[in-house]
C-alpha cells in the first residue's frame, strides 16, 4: 500500500480532471453508427490537447487510448471500425497520466434505446460503485468497500465478476492493494489517509466466467450475458472519500435506483 502526500493527490486530481473532460468529450458521439475507433480518436486528442498522456496506449502492449467493451464484453475491448448499433451498451474505460501521476475511470453507456434489463444493469452497477465509495473511510477496511459493492449487486440479482478487480493507483497505474468487488466486511487492510484506489465494479446479468479472446485483451462473459463497468479514482482522506474523477468530488447521498440510500 503506497500512501500519497496531499501535494501528490492534488496532482492526481489534475490528472483526473483531464481524464474526466476527455471522457465528456467522447460522450456526445456515443450513438448509433459511430465506431469505437472514432471514439478512441476523440479521447486521445482530448487528453493530449490538455497536456496529458493516454495511460492505456502501449501499457503492456495495449494498442489504444480507450478500452471500449460492447455488450457482453466486460473489460479491455479494443476499439475498432464496427459501428455501434441501436440497443448496444458500451463500457468506456479511460486513463491519463499527468505530471507523473495517473487517473482512471469508466462508465457504461446506452446506445439509443436499450432494454429495461440492460438499463437496470447499468443503474445497479453504478449504484454499487457509490455504495463502495461511501465505505472508503479512514479506519474502515478494504473488505468493507468490497462487501458494500457485492451486496448491492447481488441484492439486484446480478453477478459480480471475479476475474478482474480494482486496484491502488498513483505514480504507477496499478499499485497495491488489489480491490475485489466481493468480500467480507471487516477484513483486509485498514484504510489510511493518502491511499488512492481505483474502485471499479464489473457486473454481469447472470452467473458466468470470463473468457479472453485471441487478441489476448478482449474479455467477454462466457455465457454472453451483458456486462457493465463503472469506475472512479478515489482518495481516502480524514474528511471522507474524495472522488478525484468526479466533477463533484463528494459521494452522492442517494442512488438513482429506487431512491435507495447507501448503507
Protein backbone atom coordinates (compact mmCIF):
# COMPACT_ATOMS: atom_id res chain seq x y z
CA UNK A 1 0.00 0.00 0.00
CA UNK A 2 1.53 3.29 -1.15
CA UNK A 3 0.28 6.39 0.66
CA UNK A 4 0.39 9.73 -1.14
CA UNK A 5 1.15 13.16 0.28
CA UNK A 6 -1.57 15.81 -0.14
CA UNK A 7 0.52 17.50 -2.85
CA UNK A 8 0.65 14.22 -4.81
CA UNK A 9 -3.10 13.75 -4.51
CA UNK A 10 -3.60 17.29 -5.81
CA UNK A 11 -1.60 16.37 -8.93
CA UNK A 12 -3.67 13.20 -9.28
CA UNK A 13 -6.76 15.41 -9.11
CA UNK A 14 -5.39 17.44 -12.04
CA UNK A 15 -4.84 14.20 -13.98
CA UNK A 16 -8.39 13.21 -13.08
CA UNK A 17 -9.82 16.46 -14.47
CA UNK A 18 -8.09 15.83 -17.81
CA UNK A 19 -9.36 12.25 -17.77
CA UNK A 20 -12.95 13.22 -16.98
CA UNK A 21 -13.00 16.02 -19.55
CA UNK A 22 -11.70 13.65 -22.21
CA UNK A 23 -14.49 11.20 -21.45
CA UNK A 24 -17.00 14.05 -21.53
CA UNK A 25 -15.66 14.99 -24.96
CA UNK A 26 -16.48 11.48 -26.16
CA UNK A 27 -19.98 11.28 -24.70
CA UNK A 28 -21.91 13.26 -27.37
CA UNK A 29 -20.59 10.89 -30.05
CA UNK A 30 -21.77 7.67 -28.36
CA UNK A 31 -24.60 7.00 -30.79
CA UNK A 32 -25.80 4.60 -33.43
CA UNK A 33 -23.43 4.34 -36.41
CA UNK A 34 -20.31 5.67 -34.69
CA UNK A 35 -17.38 3.26 -34.34
CA UNK A 36 -15.38 2.77 -31.18
CA UNK A 37 -12.26 3.65 -33.20
CA UNK A 38 -13.77 7.10 -33.78
CA UNK A 39 -14.46 7.46 -30.06
CA UNK A 40 -10.87 6.45 -29.34
CA UNK A 41 -9.51 9.20 -31.60
CA UNK A 42 -11.67 11.84 -29.88
CA UNK A 43 -10.46 10.72 -26.44
CA UNK A 44 -6.80 10.62 -27.42
CA UNK A 45 -6.93 14.10 -28.94
CA UNK A 46 -8.72 15.43 -25.83
CA UNK A 47 -6.13 14.02 -23.43
CA UNK A 48 -3.12 15.21 -25.42
CA UNK A 49 -4.56 18.68 -26.04
CA UNK A 50 -4.89 19.12 -22.27
CA UNK A 51 -1.30 18.16 -21.59
CA UNK A 52 -1.94 14.59 -20.50
CA UNK A 53 -0.71 11.26 -21.78
CA UNK A 54 -3.05 8.33 -22.53
CA UNK A 55 -2.32 5.78 -19.82
CA UNK A 56 -3.54 2.70 -21.64
CA UNK A 57 -1.86 3.16 -25.02
CA UNK A 58 1.21 0.93 -25.03
CA UNK A 59 0.56 -0.34 -21.50
CA UNK A 60 1.63 -4.00 -21.62
CA UNK A 61 1.15 -3.71 -25.37
CA UNK A 62 -2.43 -2.43 -25.37
CA UNK A 63 -2.90 -0.62 -28.71
CA UNK A 64 -5.40 2.15 -27.88
CA UNK A 65 -6.28 5.07 -25.61
CA UNK A 66 -9.68 3.67 -24.64
CA UNK A 67 -10.94 0.27 -23.64
CA UNK A 68 -14.31 0.03 -25.41
CA UNK A 69 -16.27 -3.01 -24.27
CA UNK A 70 -19.57 -3.65 -26.07
CA UNK A 71 -22.48 -5.72 -24.73
CA UNK A 72 -21.10 -8.99 -23.30
CA UNK A 73 -17.50 -7.72 -23.16
CA UNK A 74 -16.64 -6.99 -19.53
CA UNK A 75 -13.38 -5.07 -19.99
CA UNK A 76 -10.40 -4.46 -22.28
CA UNK A 77 -12.26 -4.28 -25.57
CA UNK A 78 -10.03 -2.88 -28.32
CA UNK A 79 -11.53 -0.01 -30.35
CA UNK A 80 -12.37 -0.97 -33.94
CA UNK A 81 -14.29 0.15 -37.00
CA UNK A 82 -17.51 -1.71 -36.20
CA UNK A 83 -20.36 0.81 -35.87
CA UNK A 84 -22.40 0.82 -32.67
CA UNK A 85 -25.98 -0.42 -33.05
CA UNK A 86 -29.31 0.58 -31.52
CA UNK A 87 -29.68 -1.23 -28.19
CA UNK A 88 -25.97 -1.79 -27.58
CA UNK A 89 -24.31 -0.91 -24.31
CA UNK A 90 -20.67 0.18 -24.36
CA UNK A 91 -18.32 0.46 -21.40
CA UNK A 92 -15.62 3.08 -21.87
CA UNK A 93 -12.57 2.83 -19.64
CA UNK A 94 -10.12 5.74 -19.83
CA UNK A 95 -6.82 6.51 -18.09
CA UNK A 96 -4.50 9.50 -18.08
CA UNK A 97 -1.02 10.31 -16.82
CA UNK A 98 -0.22 13.92 -15.95
CA UNK A 99 2.94 15.18 -14.23
CA UNK A 100 3.86 11.60 -13.36
CA UNK A 101 0.56 10.52 -11.78
CA UNK A 102 -2.39 8.55 -13.07
CA UNK A 103 -6.18 8.72 -13.01
CA UNK A 104 -8.61 6.03 -14.11
CA UNK A 105 -12.37 5.96 -14.68
CA UNK A 106 -15.06 4.07 -16.56
CA UNK A 107 -18.74 4.36 -17.41
CA UNK A 108 -21.16 2.19 -19.33
CA UNK A 109 -23.43 3.94 -21.83
CA UNK A 110 -26.65 3.13 -23.65
CA UNK A 111 -26.58 3.37 -27.44
CA UNK A 112 -30.03 4.58 -28.42
CA UNK A 113 -32.88 2.78 -26.65
CA UNK A 114 -31.82 -0.22 -24.60
CA UNK A 115 -33.83 -2.94 -22.87
CA UNK A 116 -35.23 -2.38 -19.39
CA UNK A 117 -32.98 -5.13 -18.02
CA UNK A 118 -29.89 -3.55 -19.58
CA UNK A 119 -30.84 -0.19 -18.08
CA UNK A 120 -31.28 -1.80 -14.69
CA UNK A 121 -27.87 -3.47 -15.04
CA UNK A 122 -26.28 -0.06 -15.66
CA UNK A 123 -28.14 1.54 -12.74
CA UNK A 124 -27.24 -1.22 -10.29
CA UNK A 125 -23.57 -1.27 -11.33
CA UNK A 126 -23.26 2.49 -10.87
CA UNK A 127 -25.09 2.33 -7.55
CA UNK A 128 -22.74 -0.40 -6.34
CA UNK A 129 -19.78 1.87 -7.13
CA UNK A 130 -21.15 4.62 -4.91
CA UNK A 131 -22.06 2.13 -2.18
CA UNK A 132 -18.40 1.11 -2.16
CA UNK A 133 -17.16 4.70 -2.22
CA UNK A 134 -19.28 5.54 0.83
CA UNK A 135 -17.33 2.88 2.76
CA UNK A 136 -13.97 4.36 1.70
CA UNK A 137 -13.43 5.91 5.12
CA UNK A 138 -10.35 6.20 7.31
CA UNK A 139 -10.36 3.29 9.79
CA UNK A 140 -12.59 1.07 7.68
CA UNK A 141 -11.13 -1.96 5.96
CA UNK A 142 -10.82 -2.79 2.29
CA UNK A 143 -13.36 -5.57 2.74
CA UNK A 144 -15.96 -3.01 3.80
CA UNK A 145 -15.81 -1.49 0.30
CA UNK A 146 -15.86 -4.90 -1.37
CA UNK A 147 -18.81 -6.15 0.68
CA UNK A 148 -20.85 -2.98 0.06
CA UNK A 149 -20.38 -3.36 -3.70
CA UNK A 150 -21.25 -7.05 -3.64
CA UNK A 151 -24.36 -6.53 -1.52
CA UNK A 152 -25.90 -4.03 -3.96
CA UNK A 153 -25.17 -6.22 -6.98
CA UNK A 154 -26.40 -9.50 -5.55
CA UNK A 155 -29.50 -7.94 -3.98
CA UNK A 156 -30.49 -6.94 -7.52
CA UNK A 157 -29.97 -10.49 -8.82
CA UNK A 158 -26.82 -9.76 -10.84
CA UNK A 159 -23.36 -11.36 -10.77
CA UNK A 160 -20.09 -9.84 -9.53
CA UNK A 161 -17.25 -10.55 -11.95
CA UNK A 162 -14.45 -12.29 -10.02
CA UNK A 163 -11.69 -12.37 -12.64
CA UNK A 164 -10.94 -8.62 -12.55
CA UNK A 165 -10.56 -6.27 -9.58
CA UNK A 166 -9.91 -2.66 -8.71
CA UNK A 167 -6.51 -1.50 -7.55
CA UNK A 168 -4.36 1.12 -5.93
CA UNK A 169 -3.20 3.87 -8.27
CA UNK A 170 -0.62 6.66 -8.22
CA UNK A 171 2.74 7.03 -9.91
CA UNK A 172 2.09 3.51 -11.22
CA UNK A 173 -1.16 2.74 -12.95
CA UNK A 174 -1.67 -0.46 -10.96
CA UNK A 175 -0.46 -0.43 -7.36
CA UNK A 176 -1.31 -2.48 -4.29
CA UNK A 177 -3.73 -3.26 -2.83
CA UNK A 178 -5.96 -5.23 -5.14
CA UNK A 179 -9.59 -4.18 -4.65
CA UNK A 180 -12.05 -7.06 -5.23
CA UNK A 181 -15.72 -6.28 -5.80
CA UNK A 182 -16.76 -9.04 -3.43
CA UNK A 183 -15.65 -9.88 0.08
CA UNK A 184 -16.39 -9.79 3.77
CA UNK A 185 -16.85 -6.59 5.75
CA UNK A 186 -14.27 -6.06 8.49
CA UNK A 187 -11.48 -7.85 6.64
CA UNK A 188 -8.44 -6.71 4.68
CA UNK A 189 -6.05 -3.77 5.13
CA UNK A 190 -7.12 -0.77 7.19
CA UNK A 191 -7.85 2.29 5.04
CA UNK A 192 -5.47 5.16 5.78
CA UNK A 193 -5.27 8.79 4.65
CA UNK A 194 -3.29 9.06 1.43
CA UNK A 195 -4.39 5.75 -0.05
CA UNK A 196 -5.83 6.20 -3.56
CA UNK A 197 -7.96 3.44 -5.07
CA UNK A 198 -9.46 2.77 -8.48
CA UNK A 199 -12.80 1.33 -7.37
CA UNK A 200 -14.44 -0.42 -10.32
CA UNK A 201 -17.33 -2.86 -10.05
CA UNK A 202 -17.77 -5.10 -13.09
CA UNK A 203 -21.12 -6.84 -13.24
CA UNK A 204 -22.83 -9.44 -15.43
CA UNK A 205 -26.54 -10.13 -15.89
CA UNK A 206 -26.12 -13.72 -14.73
CA UNK A 207 -23.56 -16.01 -13.12
CA UNK A 208 -20.70 -16.59 -15.52
CA UNK A 209 -17.00 -16.94 -16.06
CA UNK A 210 -14.99 -14.60 -18.28
CA UNK A 211 -13.12 -15.65 -21.42
CA UNK A 212 -10.13 -13.96 -23.06
CA UNK A 213 -10.22 -13.74 -26.85
CA UNK A 214 -7.31 -14.43 -29.21
CA UNK A 215 -6.25 -10.77 -29.16
CA UNK A 216 -5.25 -11.51 -25.52
CA UNK A 217 -7.24 -8.49 -24.27
CA UNK A 218 -10.97 -8.63 -25.03
CA UNK A 219 -12.77 -10.29 -22.11
CA UNK A 220 -16.40 -11.30 -22.76
CA UNK A 221 -18.68 -13.24 -20.45
CA UNK A 222 -18.59 -16.95 -21.21
CA UNK A 223 -22.40 -17.17 -21.38
CA UNK A 224 -22.70 -13.97 -23.47
CA UNK A 225 -24.74 -12.19 -20.81
CA UNK A 226 -24.47 -8.38 -20.85
CA UNK A 227 -21.83 -6.77 -18.63
CA UNK A 228 -21.38 -3.27 -17.20
CA UNK A 229 -18.43 -1.41 -15.66
CA UNK A 230 -18.25 1.82 -13.66
CA UNK A 231 -15.11 3.25 -12.04
CA UNK A 232 -13.78 6.24 -10.13
CA UNK A 233 -10.37 7.12 -8.72
CA UNK A 234 -10.93 7.79 -5.01
CA UNK A 235 -8.56 9.21 -2.39
CA UNK A 236 -9.03 8.24 1.26
CA UNK A 237 -8.92 11.34 3.46
CA UNK A 238 -9.75 12.31 7.04
CA UNK A 239 -12.63 14.36 5.60
CA UNK A 240 -14.10 11.35 3.80
CA UNK A 241 -13.66 9.87 0.32
CA UNK A 242 -12.54 12.33 -2.35
CA UNK A 243 -13.71 11.21 -5.79
CA UNK A 244 -10.95 12.63 -7.95
CA UNK A 245 -12.56 11.71 -11.28
CA UNK A 246 -15.97 13.23 -10.45
CA UNK A 247 -16.94 16.83 -11.03
CA UNK A 248 -18.45 16.77 -7.54
CA UNK A 249 -15.73 15.03 -5.55
CA UNK A 250 -18.03 14.05 -2.64
CA UNK A 251 -20.17 10.86 -2.66
CA UNK A 252 -23.79 11.10 -3.71
CA UNK A 253 -26.28 10.95 -0.85
CA UNK A 254 -28.75 8.84 -2.78
CA UNK A 255 -28.80 6.31 -5.56
CA UNK A 256 -30.89 6.79 -8.66
CA UNK A 257 -32.27 3.26 -8.49
CA UNK A 258 -35.35 3.21 -6.28
CA UNK A 259 -34.02 6.04 -4.13
CA UNK A 260 -32.04 3.51 -2.11
CA UNK A 261 -29.63 5.14 0.31
CA UNK A 262 -26.15 3.78 0.82
CA UNK A 263 -25.61 1.67 3.93
